[in-house]
Structures are given as C-alpha cells and as structure tokens.
PDB file of N, CA and C in Angstrom:
ATOM      1  N   UNK A   1      -0.851  50.741 -56.736  1.00  0.00           N
ATOM      2  CA  UNK A   1      -1.141  50.257 -57.349  1.00  0.00           C
ATOM      3  C   UNK A   1      -2.712  50.737 -57.260  1.00  0.00           C
ATOM      4  N   UNK A   2      -3.829  51.501 -58.395  1.00  0.00           N
ATOM      5  CA  UNK A   2      -4.998  51.429 -57.528  1.00  0.00           C
ATOM      6  C   UNK A   2      -5.784  51.227 -57.193  1.00  0.00           C
ATOM      7  N   UNK A   3      -6.461  51.738 -56.355  1.00  0.00           N
ATOM      8  CA  UNK A   3      -7.818  50.689 -55.970  1.00  0.00           C
ATOM      9  C   UNK A   3      -8.928  50.515 -56.819  1.00  0.00           C
ATOM     10  N   UNK A   4      -9.329  48.776 -57.225  1.00  0.00           N
ATOM     11  CA  UNK A   4     -10.127  48.986 -58.420  1.00  0.00           C
ATOM     12  C   UNK A   4     -10.987  49.632 -57.414  1.00  0.00           C
ATOM     13  N   UNK A   5     -12.627  50.435 -58.561  1.00  0.00           N
ATOM     14  CA  UNK A   5     -13.241  50.519 -58.046  1.00  0.00           C
ATOM     15  C   UNK A   5     -14.695  49.639 -57.540  1.00  0.00           C
ATOM     16  N   UNK A   6     -15.687  50.075 -56.793  1.00  0.00           N
ATOM     17  CA  UNK A   6     -15.896  48.983 -56.050  1.00  0.00           C
ATOM     18  C   UNK A   6     -17.096  48.936 -56.703  1.00  0.00           C
ATOM     19  N   UNK A   7     -18.042  48.013 -56.081  1.00  0.00           N
ATOM     20  CA  UNK A   7     -19.211  47.586 -57.053  1.00  0.00           C
ATOM     21  C   UNK A   7     -21.397  48.215 -55.877  1.00  0.00           C
ATOM     22  N   UNK A   8     -21.827  47.441 -56.694  1.00  0.00           N
ATOM     23  CA  UNK A   8     -22.344  48.180 -56.095  1.00  0.00           C
ATOM     24  C   UNK A   8     -22.935  46.958 -54.808  1.00  0.00           C
ATOM     25  N   UNK A   9     -22.426  45.406 -54.924  1.00  0.00           N
ATOM     26  CA  UNK A   9     -23.007  44.572 -53.799  1.00  0.00           C
ATOM     27  C   UNK A   9     -21.881  45.239 -52.930  1.00  0.00           C
ATOM     28  N   UNK A  10     -20.871  45.060 -53.491  1.00  0.00           N
ATOM     29  CA  UNK A  10     -19.974  45.958 -52.858  1.00  0.00           C
ATOM     30  C   UNK A  10     -20.084  46.599 -51.644  1.00  0.00           C
ATOM     31  N   UNK A  11     -20.938  47.680 -51.763  1.00  0.00           N
ATOM     32  CA  UNK A  11     -21.330  48.767 -51.198  1.00  0.00           C
ATOM     33  C   UNK A  11     -22.940  48.452 -50.618  1.00  0.00           C
ATOM     34  N   UNK A  12     -23.178  46.628 -50.750  1.00  0.00           N
ATOM     35  CA  UNK A  12     -24.596  46.744 -50.067  1.00  0.00           C
ATOM     36  C   UNK A  12     -25.962  46.201 -50.531  1.00  0.00           C
ATOM     37  N   UNK A  13     -25.652  47.056 -51.808  1.00  0.00           N
ATOM     38  CA  UNK A  13     -27.097  46.173 -52.500  1.00  0.00           C
ATOM     39  C   UNK A  13     -27.319  45.316 -53.140  1.00  0.00           C
ATOM     40  N   UNK A  14     -28.198  45.020 -53.617  1.00  0.00           N
ATOM     41  CA  UNK A  14     -29.009  43.970 -53.919  1.00  0.00           C
ATOM     42  C   UNK A  14     -29.256  43.730 -55.562  1.00  0.00           C
ATOM     43  N   UNK A  15     -28.948  42.989 -56.210  1.00  0.00           N
ATOM     44  CA  UNK A  15     -28.912  42.972 -57.662  1.00  0.00           C
ATOM     45  C   UNK A  15     -30.215  42.921 -57.980  1.00  0.00           C
ATOM     46  N   UNK A  16     -31.747  42.919 -58.425  1.00  0.00           N
ATOM     47  CA  UNK A  16     -33.204  42.838 -58.009  1.00  0.00           C
ATOM     48  C   UNK A  16     -32.748  42.347 -59.980  1.00  0.00           C
ATOM     49  N   UNK A  17     -32.987  43.300 -60.457  1.00  0.00           N
ATOM     50  CA  UNK A  17     -33.099  42.364 -62.061  1.00  0.00           C
ATOM     51  C   UNK A  17     -32.861  44.161 -63.058  1.00  0.00           C
ATOM     52  N   UNK A  18     -33.373  43.841 -64.730  1.00  0.00           N
ATOM     53  CA  UNK A  18     -33.371  44.463 -65.373  1.00  0.00           C
ATOM     54  C   UNK A  18     -34.324  44.847 -65.710  1.00  0.00           C
ATOM     55  N   UNK A  19     -35.011  45.870 -65.452  1.00  0.00           N
ATOM     56  CA  UNK A  19     -36.403  47.026 -66.299  1.00  0.00           C
ATOM     57  C   UNK A  19     -35.724  47.570 -67.743  1.00  0.00           C
ATOM     58  N   UNK A  20     -36.732  48.272 -68.203  1.00  0.00           N
ATOM     59  CA  UNK A  20     -37.026  49.212 -68.991  1.00  0.00           C
ATOM     60  C   UNK A  20     -38.563  50.117 -69.000  1.00  0.00           C
ATOM     61  N   UNK A  21     -38.172  51.116 -69.349  1.00  0.00           N
ATOM     62  CA  UNK A  21     -38.814  52.326 -69.092  1.00  0.00           C
ATOM     63  C   UNK A  21     -39.577  52.335 -67.726  1.00  0.00           C
ATOM     64  N   UNK A  22     -41.054  52.114 -68.136  1.00  0.00           N
ATOM     65  CA  UNK A  22     -42.212  52.840 -67.109  1.00  0.00           C
ATOM     66  C   UNK A  22     -41.734  51.503 -65.836  1.00  0.00           C
ATOM     67  N   UNK A  23     -41.879  50.401 -66.972  1.00  0.00           N
ATOM     68  CA  UNK A  23     -41.840  49.157 -65.878  1.00  0.00           C
ATOM     69  C   UNK A  23     -40.229  49.278 -64.742  1.00  0.00           C
ATOM     70  N   UNK A  24     -39.249  49.911 -64.863  1.00  0.00           N
ATOM     71  CA  UNK A  24     -38.474  50.217 -63.902  1.00  0.00           C
ATOM     72  C   UNK A  24     -39.113  51.805 -62.776  1.00  0.00           C
ATOM     73  N   UNK A  25     -39.287  52.337 -63.515  1.00  0.00           N
ATOM     74  CA  UNK A  25     -40.334  53.399 -62.350  1.00  0.00           C
ATOM     75  C   UNK A  25     -41.242  52.251 -61.672  1.00  0.00           C
ATOM     76  N   UNK A  26     -42.192  51.902 -62.451  1.00  0.00           N
ATOM     77  CA  UNK A  26     -42.863  50.939 -60.771  1.00  0.00           C
ATOM     78  C   UNK A  26     -42.376  50.406 -60.173  1.00  0.00           C
ATOM     79  N   UNK A  27     -40.913  49.424 -60.724  1.00  0.00           N
ATOM     80  CA  UNK A  27     -40.440  48.506 -59.804  1.00  0.00           C
ATOM     81  C   UNK A  27     -40.055  49.632 -57.983  1.00  0.00           C
ATOM     82  N   UNK A  28     -39.055  50.451 -58.706  1.00  0.00           N
ATOM     83  CA  UNK A  28     -38.712  51.990 -58.450  1.00  0.00           C
ATOM     84  C   UNK A  28     -39.809  52.584 -56.982  1.00  0.00           C
ATOM     85  N   UNK A  29     -40.063  52.301 -57.921  1.00  0.00           N
ATOM     86  CA  UNK A  29     -41.824  52.996 -56.631  1.00  0.00           C
ATOM     87  C   UNK A  29     -42.002  52.667 -55.943  1.00  0.00           C
ATOM     88  N   UNK A  30     -42.509  50.565 -56.273  1.00  0.00           N
ATOM     89  CA  UNK A  30     -42.493  49.321 -55.048  1.00  0.00           C
ATOM     90  C   UNK A  30     -41.069  49.298 -54.217  1.00  0.00           C
ATOM     91  N   UNK A  31     -40.635  49.619 -54.586  1.00  0.00           N
ATOM     92  CA  UNK A  31     -39.217  48.879 -53.468  1.00  0.00           C
ATOM     93  C   UNK A  31     -39.819  50.178 -52.718  1.00  0.00           C
ATOM     94  N   UNK A  32     -39.116  51.473 -52.844  1.00  0.00           N
ATOM     95  CA  UNK A  32     -39.803  52.933 -52.105  1.00  0.00           C
ATOM     96  C   UNK A  32     -40.365  53.614 -51.534  1.00  0.00           C
ATOM     97  N   UNK A  33     -41.695  51.746 -51.651  1.00  0.00           N
ATOM     98  CA  UNK A  33     -42.378  51.809 -50.883  1.00  0.00           C
ATOM     99  C   UNK A  33     -42.524  51.232 -49.783  1.00  0.00           C
ATOM    100  N   UNK A  34     -41.822  50.008 -50.012  1.00  0.00           N
ATOM    101  CA  UNK A  34     -41.664  48.959 -48.999  1.00  0.00           C
ATOM    102  C   UNK A  34     -40.490  49.404 -48.565  1.00  0.00           C
ATOM    103  N   UNK A  35     -40.009  50.745 -47.818  1.00  0.00           N
ATOM    104  CA  UNK A  35     -38.975  51.428 -47.597  1.00  0.00           C
ATOM    105  C   UNK A  35     -37.567  50.625 -47.786  1.00  0.00           C
ATOM    106  N   UNK A  36     -37.015  50.185 -48.574  1.00  0.00           N
ATOM    107  CA  UNK A  36     -35.927  49.722 -49.413  1.00  0.00           C
ATOM    108  C   UNK A  36     -35.045  51.788 -49.493  1.00  0.00           C
ATOM    109  N   UNK A  37     -33.410  51.813 -49.650  1.00  0.00           N
ATOM    110  CA  UNK A  37     -33.473  52.642 -50.890  1.00  0.00           C
ATOM    111  C   UNK A  37     -33.069  51.775 -52.166  1.00  0.00           C
ATOM    112  N   UNK A  38     -33.261  52.260 -53.251  1.00  0.00           N
ATOM    113  CA  UNK A  38     -33.652  52.116 -54.677  1.00  0.00           C
ATOM    114  C   UNK A  38     -32.054  52.898 -55.749  1.00  0.00           C
ATOM    115  N   UNK A  39     -31.529  52.079 -56.181  1.00  0.00           N
ATOM    116  CA  UNK A  39     -30.979  52.502 -57.824  1.00  0.00           C
ATOM    117  C   UNK A  39     -30.816  52.171 -59.417  1.00  0.00           C
ATOM    118  N   UNK A  40     -31.012  52.892 -59.936  1.00  0.00           N
ATOM    119  CA  UNK A  40     -31.301  52.417 -61.441  1.00  0.00           C
ATOM    120  C   UNK A  40     -29.870  52.781 -62.196  1.00  0.00           C
ATOM    121  N   UNK A  41     -29.038  51.894 -62.542  1.00  0.00           N
ATOM    122  CA  UNK A  41     -27.898  51.669 -63.012  1.00  0.00           C
ATOM    123  C   UNK A  41     -28.917  51.979 -64.787  1.00  0.00           C
ATOM    124  N   UNK A  42     -28.079  52.497 -65.462  1.00  0.00           N
ATOM    125  CA  UNK A  42     -27.083  52.376 -67.145  1.00  0.00           C
ATOM    126  C   UNK A  42     -27.142  50.622 -66.956  1.00  0.00           C
ATOM    127  N   UNK A  43     -27.425  49.879 -67.753  1.00  0.00           N
ATOM    128  CA  UNK A  43     -27.594  47.826 -68.374  1.00  0.00           C
ATOM    129  C   UNK A  43     -25.805  48.259 -68.610  1.00  0.00           C
ATOM    130  N   UNK A  44     -25.131  47.733 -68.323  1.00  0.00           N
ATOM    131  CA  UNK A  44     -23.762  47.718 -68.298  1.00  0.00           C
ATOM    132  C   UNK A  44     -23.800  45.710 -69.986  1.00  0.00           C
ATOM    133  N   UNK A  45     -22.845  46.333 -70.938  1.00  0.00           N
ATOM    134  CA  UNK A  45     -23.500  45.543 -71.491  1.00  0.00           C
ATOM    135  C   UNK A  45     -23.296  43.510 -70.979  1.00  0.00           C
ATOM    136  N   UNK A  46     -22.129  43.903 -70.323  1.00  0.00           N
ATOM    137  CA  UNK A  46     -22.345  41.974 -70.247  1.00  0.00           C
ATOM    138  C   UNK A  46     -23.490  41.632 -69.757  1.00  0.00           C
ATOM    139  N   UNK A  47     -24.925  42.722 -69.020  1.00  0.00           N
ATOM    140  CA  UNK A  47     -26.078  42.405 -68.277  1.00  0.00           C
ATOM    141  C   UNK A  47     -27.102  41.693 -69.609  1.00  0.00           C
ATOM    142  N   UNK A  48     -26.304  42.252 -70.911  1.00  0.00           N
ATOM    143  CA  UNK A  48     -27.434  42.398 -71.475  1.00  0.00           C
ATOM    144  C   UNK A  48     -27.215  40.518 -72.801  1.00  0.00           C
ATOM    145  N   UNK A  49     -27.197  40.016 -73.329  1.00  0.00           N
ATOM    146  CA  UNK A  49     -27.113  39.042 -74.382  1.00  0.00           C
ATOM    147  C   UNK A  49     -26.243  39.115 -75.014  1.00  0.00           C
ATOM    148  N   UNK A  50     -25.646  38.821 -75.518  1.00  0.00           N
ATOM    149  CA  UNK A  50     -24.425  39.105 -77.255  1.00  0.00           C
ATOM    150  C   UNK A  50     -24.924  39.833 -77.991  1.00  0.00           C
ATOM    151  N   UNK A  51     -26.369  39.163 -79.205  1.00  0.00           N
ATOM    152  CA  UNK A  51     -26.968  39.614 -79.846  1.00  0.00           C
ATOM    153  C   UNK A  51     -27.846  41.428 -79.540  1.00  0.00           C
ATOM    154  N   UNK A  52     -28.086  41.618 -78.366  1.00  0.00           N
ATOM    155  CA  UNK A  52     -28.896  42.301 -77.452  1.00  0.00           C
ATOM    156  C   UNK A  52     -27.604  43.055 -77.842  1.00  0.00           C
ATOM    157  N   UNK A  53     -26.766  43.690 -77.527  1.00  0.00           N
ATOM    158  CA  UNK A  53     -25.989  44.642 -77.146  1.00  0.00           C
ATOM    159  C   UNK A  53     -25.394  46.138 -78.218  1.00  0.00           C
ATOM    160  N   UNK A  54     -25.810  45.737 -80.196  1.00  0.00           N
ATOM    161  CA  UNK A  54     -25.631  46.802 -81.006  1.00  0.00           C
ATOM    162  C   UNK A  54     -27.299  47.211 -80.862  1.00  0.00           C
ATOM    163  N   UNK A  55     -27.768  47.012 -80.402  1.00  0.00           N
ATOM    164  CA  UNK A  55     -29.529  47.874 -80.011  1.00  0.00           C
ATOM    165  C   UNK A  55     -29.130  48.859 -79.278  1.00  0.00           C
ATOM    166  N   UNK A  56     -29.740  49.875 -79.884  1.00  0.00           N
ATOM    167  CA  UNK A  56     -29.442  50.973 -79.657  1.00  0.00           C
ATOM    168  C   UNK A  56     -30.715  51.293 -77.955  1.00  0.00           C
ATOM    169  N   UNK A  57     -31.265  49.878 -78.208  1.00  0.00           N
ATOM    170  CA  UNK A  57     -32.944  50.632 -77.356  1.00  0.00           C
ATOM    171  C   UNK A  57     -32.184  49.627 -75.856  1.00  0.00           C
ATOM    172  N   UNK A  58     -31.162  48.963 -75.540  1.00  0.00           N
ATOM    173  CA  UNK A  58     -30.411  49.093 -74.253  1.00  0.00           C
ATOM    174  C   UNK A  58     -30.386  50.532 -73.701  1.00  0.00           C
ATOM    175  N   UNK A  59     -30.000  51.028 -73.871  1.00  0.00           N
ATOM    176  CA  UNK A  59     -30.107  51.755 -73.482  1.00  0.00           C
ATOM    177  C   UNK A  59     -31.204  53.279 -72.534  1.00  0.00           C
ATOM    178  N   UNK A  60     -32.504  52.571 -73.547  1.00  0.00           N
ATOM    179  CA  UNK A  60     -32.918  52.433 -72.306  1.00  0.00           C
ATOM    180  C   UNK A  60     -33.981  51.522 -70.641  1.00  0.00           C
ATOM    181  N   UNK A  61     -32.810  50.292 -70.432  1.00  0.00           N
ATOM    182  CA  UNK A  61     -32.752  49.227 -69.798  1.00  0.00           C
ATOM    183  C   UNK A  61     -31.924  49.400 -68.499  1.00  0.00           C
ATOM    184  N   UNK A  62     -32.477  49.850 -67.417  1.00  0.00           N
ATOM    185  CA  UNK A  62     -32.253  49.901 -65.856  1.00  0.00           C
ATOM    186  C   UNK A  62     -31.778  48.535 -65.234  1.00  0.00           C
ATOM    187  N   UNK A  63     -30.918  48.653 -64.457  1.00  0.00           N
ATOM    188  CA  UNK A  63     -30.676  47.498 -63.558  1.00  0.00           C
ATOM    189  C   UNK A  63     -31.002  48.390 -62.578  1.00  0.00           C
ATOM    190  N   UNK A  64     -31.525  47.402 -61.764  1.00  0.00           N
ATOM    191  CA  UNK A  64     -32.415  47.760 -60.528  1.00  0.00           C
ATOM    192  C   UNK A  64     -31.436  47.364 -59.000  1.00  0.00           C
ATOM    193  N   UNK A  65     -31.308  47.933 -57.727  1.00  0.00           N
ATOM    194  CA  UNK A  65     -30.419  47.568 -56.923  1.00  0.00           C
ATOM    195  C   UNK A  65     -31.377  48.087 -55.847  1.00  0.00           C
ATOM    196  N   UNK A  66     -31.192  47.420 -54.527  1.00  0.00           N
ATOM    197  CA  UNK A  66     -32.146  48.480 -53.749  1.00  0.00           C
ATOM    198  C   UNK A  66     -31.160  47.604 -52.513  1.00  0.00           C
ATOM    199  N   UNK A  67     -31.011  48.107 -51.269  1.00  0.00           N
ATOM    200  CA  UNK A  67     -30.879  47.854 -50.027  1.00  0.00           C
ATOM    201  C   UNK A  67     -31.687  47.945 -48.846  1.00  0.00           C
ATOM    202  N   UNK A  68     -31.914  47.496 -47.774  1.00  0.00           N
ATOM    203  CA  UNK A  68     -32.499  48.301 -46.575  1.00  0.00           C
ATOM    204  C   UNK A  68     -32.494  49.980 -45.557  1.00  0.00           C
ATOM    205  N   UNK A  69     -32.598  50.536 -45.369  1.00  0.00           N
ATOM    206  CA  UNK A  69     -32.169  51.349 -44.836  1.00  0.00           C
ATOM    207  C   UNK A  69     -31.671  51.333 -43.479  1.00  0.00           C
TER     208      UNK A  69
END
C-alpha cells in the first residue's frame, strides 16, 4: 500500500492564515524578515467556505506556512 503524502504540518510547517494577492506578498516578506522560512501554497477547497469554492477568485488566495530556520 502506498504511503500517504506528507502534509506541510508533518514536515514542521505551521499554518498561519489565508491571504490574497498583495497581502500575501507582504506577509511572506514580513515572516522572512523575522527569520522564518515561508511557503505560500494555493488554497485548497477545504480551506474556503462552501459558497466560495465555485468562484475563480479563489485561485488568487494563498495559504501561508512558516517554520523556524
């Protein structure tokens, strides 16, 4: 049986929040300035309210994760 894929949390990342566009970029830079490693993944449907999942704007949102270097 194949091994389940690891999640960001399994790899030591802490989920911070979901951000949109320019705010995501500001948050990424802020966390980097504070000494964190940062990744911004595309939002997964489970992260959004049911009424938002059909909207194409959801593709512009990112989930911000950080971990200490």
